[in-house]
Amino acid sequence: MPIATAATTAPAIMSHFLSDGFDDFFFLDVLFFVIFSHAGPANNIYLGLTGKYEGIRFLFRTDTVRSLVAAMNFLMWYGNTTLLLMSG
């Protein structure tokens, strides 16, 4: 029996989530993770504007994680509602 590795299990997990209708949330979650990671563009902009040497660890602080979750919930709720209203 072959050993399961990340390379073999990741596509199976992703296909499970994508087939269950979680593709919008999964995409938004990955997008926010990439943008607000320690080496992401949000930290690069912050470092460029403030001139500091260490960025904010968005995903390790309670207040920033709550803010990111609130922003994702806002986008998921009002983004879908806006699309439905605009489509007639």
N, C-alpha and C. Protein backbone atom coordinates (compact mmCIF):
# COMPACT_ATOMS: atom_id res chain seq x y z
N MET A 1 0.84 -1.17 0.00
CA MET A 1 0.00 0.00 0.00
C MET A 1 0.89 1.24 0.00
N PRO A 2 0.67 2.19 -0.93
CA PRO A 2 1.52 3.38 -0.97
C PRO A 2 1.22 4.31 0.20
N ILE A 3 2.24 5.04 0.59
CA ILE A 3 2.10 5.99 1.68
C ILE A 3 1.46 7.27 1.14
N ALA A 4 0.47 7.78 1.85
CA ALA A 4 -0.19 9.02 1.43
C ALA A 4 0.69 10.21 1.77
N THR A 5 0.95 11.03 0.80
CA THR A 5 1.74 12.24 1.02
C THR A 5 0.87 13.45 0.72
N ALA A 6 1.42 14.62 0.97
CA ALA A 6 0.67 15.84 0.72
C ALA A 6 0.35 15.99 -0.77
N ALA A 7 1.26 15.51 -1.61
CA ALA A 7 1.04 15.63 -3.06
C ALA A 7 -0.11 14.74 -3.54
N THR A 8 -0.34 13.63 -2.84
CA THR A 8 -1.43 12.74 -3.27
C THR A 8 -2.75 13.06 -2.58
N THR A 9 -2.70 13.61 -1.37
CA THR A 9 -3.95 13.87 -0.65
C THR A 9 -4.52 15.25 -0.93
N ALA A 10 -3.68 16.23 -1.25
CA ALA A 10 -4.18 17.60 -1.48
C ALA A 10 -5.19 17.66 -2.63
N PRO A 11 -4.93 17.05 -3.79
CA PRO A 11 -5.95 17.11 -4.85
C PRO A 11 -7.27 16.46 -4.44
N ALA A 12 -7.19 15.38 -3.66
CA ALA A 12 -8.43 14.72 -3.22
C ALA A 12 -9.21 15.61 -2.28
N ILE A 13 -8.51 16.28 -1.37
CA ILE A 13 -9.19 17.18 -0.44
C ILE A 13 -9.77 18.37 -1.19
N MET A 14 -9.00 18.95 -2.11
CA MET A 14 -9.50 20.10 -2.86
C MET A 14 -10.70 19.72 -3.72
N SER A 15 -10.67 18.55 -4.35
CA SER A 15 -11.79 18.16 -5.18
C SER A 15 -13.03 17.91 -4.32
N HIS A 16 -12.84 17.44 -3.08
CA HIS A 16 -13.97 17.24 -2.18
C HIS A 16 -14.61 18.58 -1.84
N PHE A 17 -13.80 19.58 -1.48
CA PHE A 17 -14.35 20.87 -1.13
C PHE A 17 -14.97 21.55 -2.35
N LEU A 18 -14.33 21.45 -3.49
CA LEU A 18 -14.85 22.11 -4.68
C LEU A 18 -16.14 21.47 -5.16
N SER A 19 -16.30 20.17 -4.96
CA SER A 19 -17.52 19.52 -5.41
C SER A 19 -18.68 19.76 -4.47
N ASP A 20 -18.41 20.15 -3.23
CA ASP A 20 -19.47 20.38 -2.26
C ASP A 20 -20.00 21.80 -2.28
N GLY A 21 -19.52 22.64 -3.17
CA GLY A 21 -20.01 24.00 -3.26
C GLY A 21 -19.27 24.99 -2.38
N PHE A 22 -18.12 24.61 -1.86
CA PHE A 22 -17.33 25.51 -1.04
C PHE A 22 -16.27 26.24 -1.86
N ASP A 23 -16.39 26.21 -3.16
CA ASP A 23 -15.32 26.76 -4.00
C ASP A 23 -15.17 28.26 -3.81
N ASP A 24 -16.26 29.00 -3.60
CA ASP A 24 -16.14 30.45 -3.40
C ASP A 24 -15.43 30.75 -2.10
N PHE A 25 -15.85 30.08 -1.03
CA PHE A 25 -15.22 30.33 0.26
C PHE A 25 -13.77 29.86 0.26
N PHE A 26 -13.49 28.73 -0.37
CA PHE A 26 -12.12 28.22 -0.44
C PHE A 26 -11.22 29.20 -1.18
N PHE A 27 -11.70 29.74 -2.30
CA PHE A 27 -10.92 30.70 -3.06
C PHE A 27 -10.67 31.95 -2.25
N LEU A 28 -11.71 32.46 -1.58
CA LEU A 28 -11.57 33.68 -0.79
C LEU A 28 -10.64 33.46 0.39
N ASP A 29 -10.71 32.30 1.01
CA ASP A 29 -9.84 31.97 2.14
C ASP A 29 -8.38 31.93 1.71
N VAL A 30 -8.10 31.28 0.60
CA VAL A 30 -6.72 31.20 0.10
C VAL A 30 -6.24 32.59 -0.31
N LEU A 31 -7.10 33.37 -0.92
CA LEU A 31 -6.73 34.73 -1.33
C LEU A 31 -6.35 35.58 -0.12
N PHE A 32 -7.17 35.55 0.93
CA PHE A 32 -6.86 36.33 2.13
C PHE A 32 -5.59 35.80 2.80
N PHE A 33 -5.39 34.49 2.81
CA PHE A 33 -4.19 33.93 3.42
C PHE A 33 -2.95 34.42 2.68
N VAL A 34 -2.98 34.45 1.38
CA VAL A 34 -1.82 34.88 0.60
C VAL A 34 -1.58 36.38 0.77
N ILE A 35 -2.64 37.17 0.75
CA ILE A 35 -2.48 38.63 0.86
C ILE A 35 -1.95 39.03 2.23
N PHE A 36 -2.47 38.40 3.29
CA PHE A 36 -2.12 38.81 4.65
C PHE A 36 -1.09 37.91 5.32
N SER A 37 -0.39 37.08 4.57
CA SER A 37 0.67 36.28 5.17
C SER A 37 1.84 37.20 5.54
N HIS A 38 2.82 36.64 6.25
CA HIS A 38 3.92 37.47 6.75
C HIS A 38 4.74 38.08 5.61
N ALA A 39 4.81 37.41 4.48
CA ALA A 39 5.56 37.93 3.33
C ALA A 39 4.62 38.39 2.22
N GLY A 40 3.38 38.66 2.56
CA GLY A 40 2.39 39.03 1.55
C GLY A 40 2.41 40.51 1.22
N PRO A 41 1.60 40.90 0.24
CA PRO A 41 1.58 42.29 -0.20
C PRO A 41 1.06 43.27 0.84
N ALA A 42 0.17 42.85 1.74
CA ALA A 42 -0.32 43.76 2.77
C ALA A 42 0.82 44.17 3.70
N ASN A 43 1.67 43.23 4.06
CA ASN A 43 2.82 43.56 4.90
C ASN A 43 3.85 44.38 4.14
N ASN A 44 4.04 44.10 2.87
CA ASN A 44 4.99 44.89 2.07
C ASN A 44 4.54 46.34 1.97
N ILE A 45 3.25 46.56 1.79
CA ILE A 45 2.72 47.93 1.74
C ILE A 45 2.89 48.61 3.10
N TYR A 46 2.58 47.87 4.16
CA TYR A 46 2.73 48.42 5.52
C TYR A 46 4.18 48.80 5.79
N LEU A 47 5.11 47.92 5.43
CA LEU A 47 6.53 48.22 5.66
C LEU A 47 7.00 49.40 4.82
N GLY A 48 6.50 49.49 3.59
CA GLY A 48 6.89 50.61 2.74
C GLY A 48 6.36 51.94 3.23
N LEU A 49 5.15 51.94 3.78
CA LEU A 49 4.55 53.19 4.26
C LEU A 49 5.12 53.63 5.60
N THR A 50 5.42 52.70 6.48
CA THR A 50 5.86 53.08 7.82
C THR A 50 7.38 53.11 7.96
N GLY A 51 8.09 52.39 7.13
CA GLY A 51 9.54 52.34 7.25
C GLY A 51 10.04 51.43 8.35
N LYS A 52 9.16 50.63 8.93
CA LYS A 52 9.57 49.71 9.99
C LYS A 52 10.24 48.49 9.36
N TYR A 53 10.93 47.73 10.21
CA TYR A 53 11.67 46.56 9.73
C TYR A 53 10.92 45.26 9.93
N GLU A 54 9.90 45.27 10.78
CA GLU A 54 9.14 44.05 11.02
C GLU A 54 7.66 44.31 10.75
N GLY A 55 7.06 43.42 9.99
CA GLY A 55 5.66 43.59 9.62
C GLY A 55 4.72 43.07 10.69
N ILE A 56 3.44 43.21 10.41
CA ILE A 56 2.40 42.72 11.31
C ILE A 56 2.14 41.26 10.97
N ARG A 57 2.08 40.43 11.99
CA ARG A 57 1.74 39.01 11.78
C ARG A 57 0.23 38.88 11.88
N PHE A 58 -0.43 39.14 10.76
CA PHE A 58 -1.89 39.20 10.72
C PHE A 58 -2.55 37.91 11.19
N LEU A 59 -1.99 36.77 10.84
CA LEU A 59 -2.64 35.50 11.11
C LEU A 59 -2.30 34.92 12.48
N PHE A 60 -1.54 35.64 13.30
CA PHE A 60 -1.18 35.15 14.63
C PHE A 60 -1.71 36.04 15.74
N ARG A 61 -2.38 37.11 15.41
CA ARG A 61 -2.96 38.00 16.41
C ARG A 61 -4.48 37.87 16.39
N THR A 62 -5.08 37.83 17.55
CA THR A 62 -6.52 37.61 17.66
C THR A 62 -7.32 38.73 17.01
N ASP A 63 -6.92 39.97 17.24
CA ASP A 63 -7.70 41.09 16.70
C ASP A 63 -7.64 41.16 15.18
N THR A 64 -6.50 40.87 14.59
CA THR A 64 -6.42 40.93 13.13
C THR A 64 -7.12 39.73 12.49
N VAL A 65 -7.06 38.57 13.12
CA VAL A 65 -7.77 37.40 12.57
C VAL A 65 -9.27 37.64 12.61
N ARG A 66 -9.77 38.20 13.71
CA ARG A 66 -11.20 38.51 13.79
C ARG A 66 -11.60 39.53 12.74
N SER A 67 -10.76 40.51 12.50
CA SER A 67 -11.05 41.51 11.47
C SER A 67 -11.06 40.89 10.07
N LEU A 68 -10.13 39.99 9.81
CA LEU A 68 -10.10 39.32 8.51
C LEU A 68 -11.32 38.42 8.31
N VAL A 69 -11.73 37.72 9.36
CA VAL A 69 -12.93 36.88 9.26
C VAL A 69 -14.16 37.74 9.05
N ALA A 70 -14.24 38.87 9.74
CA ALA A 70 -15.37 39.79 9.54
C ALA A 70 -15.38 40.32 8.12
N ALA A 71 -14.22 40.65 7.57
CA ALA A 71 -14.16 41.14 6.19
C ALA A 71 -14.57 40.06 5.20
N MET A 72 -14.14 38.81 5.45
CA MET A 72 -14.54 37.71 4.56
C MET A 72 -16.05 37.48 4.63
N ASN A 73 -16.62 37.52 5.83
CA ASN A 73 -18.07 37.35 5.97
C ASN A 73 -18.82 38.47 5.27
N PHE A 74 -18.33 39.69 5.40
CA PHE A 74 -18.95 40.83 4.73
C PHE A 74 -18.92 40.65 3.22
N LEU A 75 -17.76 40.27 2.69
CA LEU A 75 -17.65 40.09 1.24
C LEU A 75 -18.50 38.94 0.74
N MET A 76 -18.56 37.86 1.51
CA MET A 76 -19.36 36.71 1.08
C MET A 76 -20.85 37.03 1.10
N TRP A 77 -21.31 37.79 2.10
CA TRP A 77 -22.74 38.09 2.20
C TRP A 77 -23.13 39.19 1.21
N TYR A 78 -22.50 40.34 1.31
CA TYR A 78 -22.92 41.48 0.48
C TYR A 78 -22.45 41.36 -0.96
N GLY A 79 -21.36 40.65 -1.21
CA GLY A 79 -20.93 40.44 -2.58
C GLY A 79 -21.93 39.62 -3.36
N ASN A 80 -22.40 38.54 -2.77
CA ASN A 80 -23.39 37.69 -3.43
C ASN A 80 -24.72 38.42 -3.56
N THR A 81 -25.13 39.15 -2.52
CA THR A 81 -26.38 39.90 -2.58
C THR A 81 -26.32 40.97 -3.67
N THR A 82 -25.19 41.65 -3.78
CA THR A 82 -25.06 42.67 -4.81
C THR A 82 -25.13 42.07 -6.20
N LEU A 83 -24.50 40.93 -6.41
CA LEU A 83 -24.57 40.28 -7.71
C LEU A 83 -26.00 39.87 -8.05
N LEU A 84 -26.73 39.35 -7.06
CA LEU A 84 -28.11 38.96 -7.30
C LEU A 84 -28.99 40.16 -7.61
N LEU A 85 -28.80 41.26 -6.92
CA LEU A 85 -29.59 42.45 -7.16
C LEU A 85 -29.28 43.06 -8.54
N MET A 86 -28.02 43.04 -8.92
CA MET A 86 -27.64 43.62 -10.20
C MET A 86 -28.08 42.75 -11.37
N SER A 87 -28.21 41.44 -11.16
CA SER A 87 -28.59 40.58 -12.27
C SER A 87 -30.08 40.63 -12.56
N GLY A 88 -30.83 41.20 -11.66
CA GLY A 88 -32.26 41.38 -11.93
C GLY A 88 -33.03 40.31 -11.31
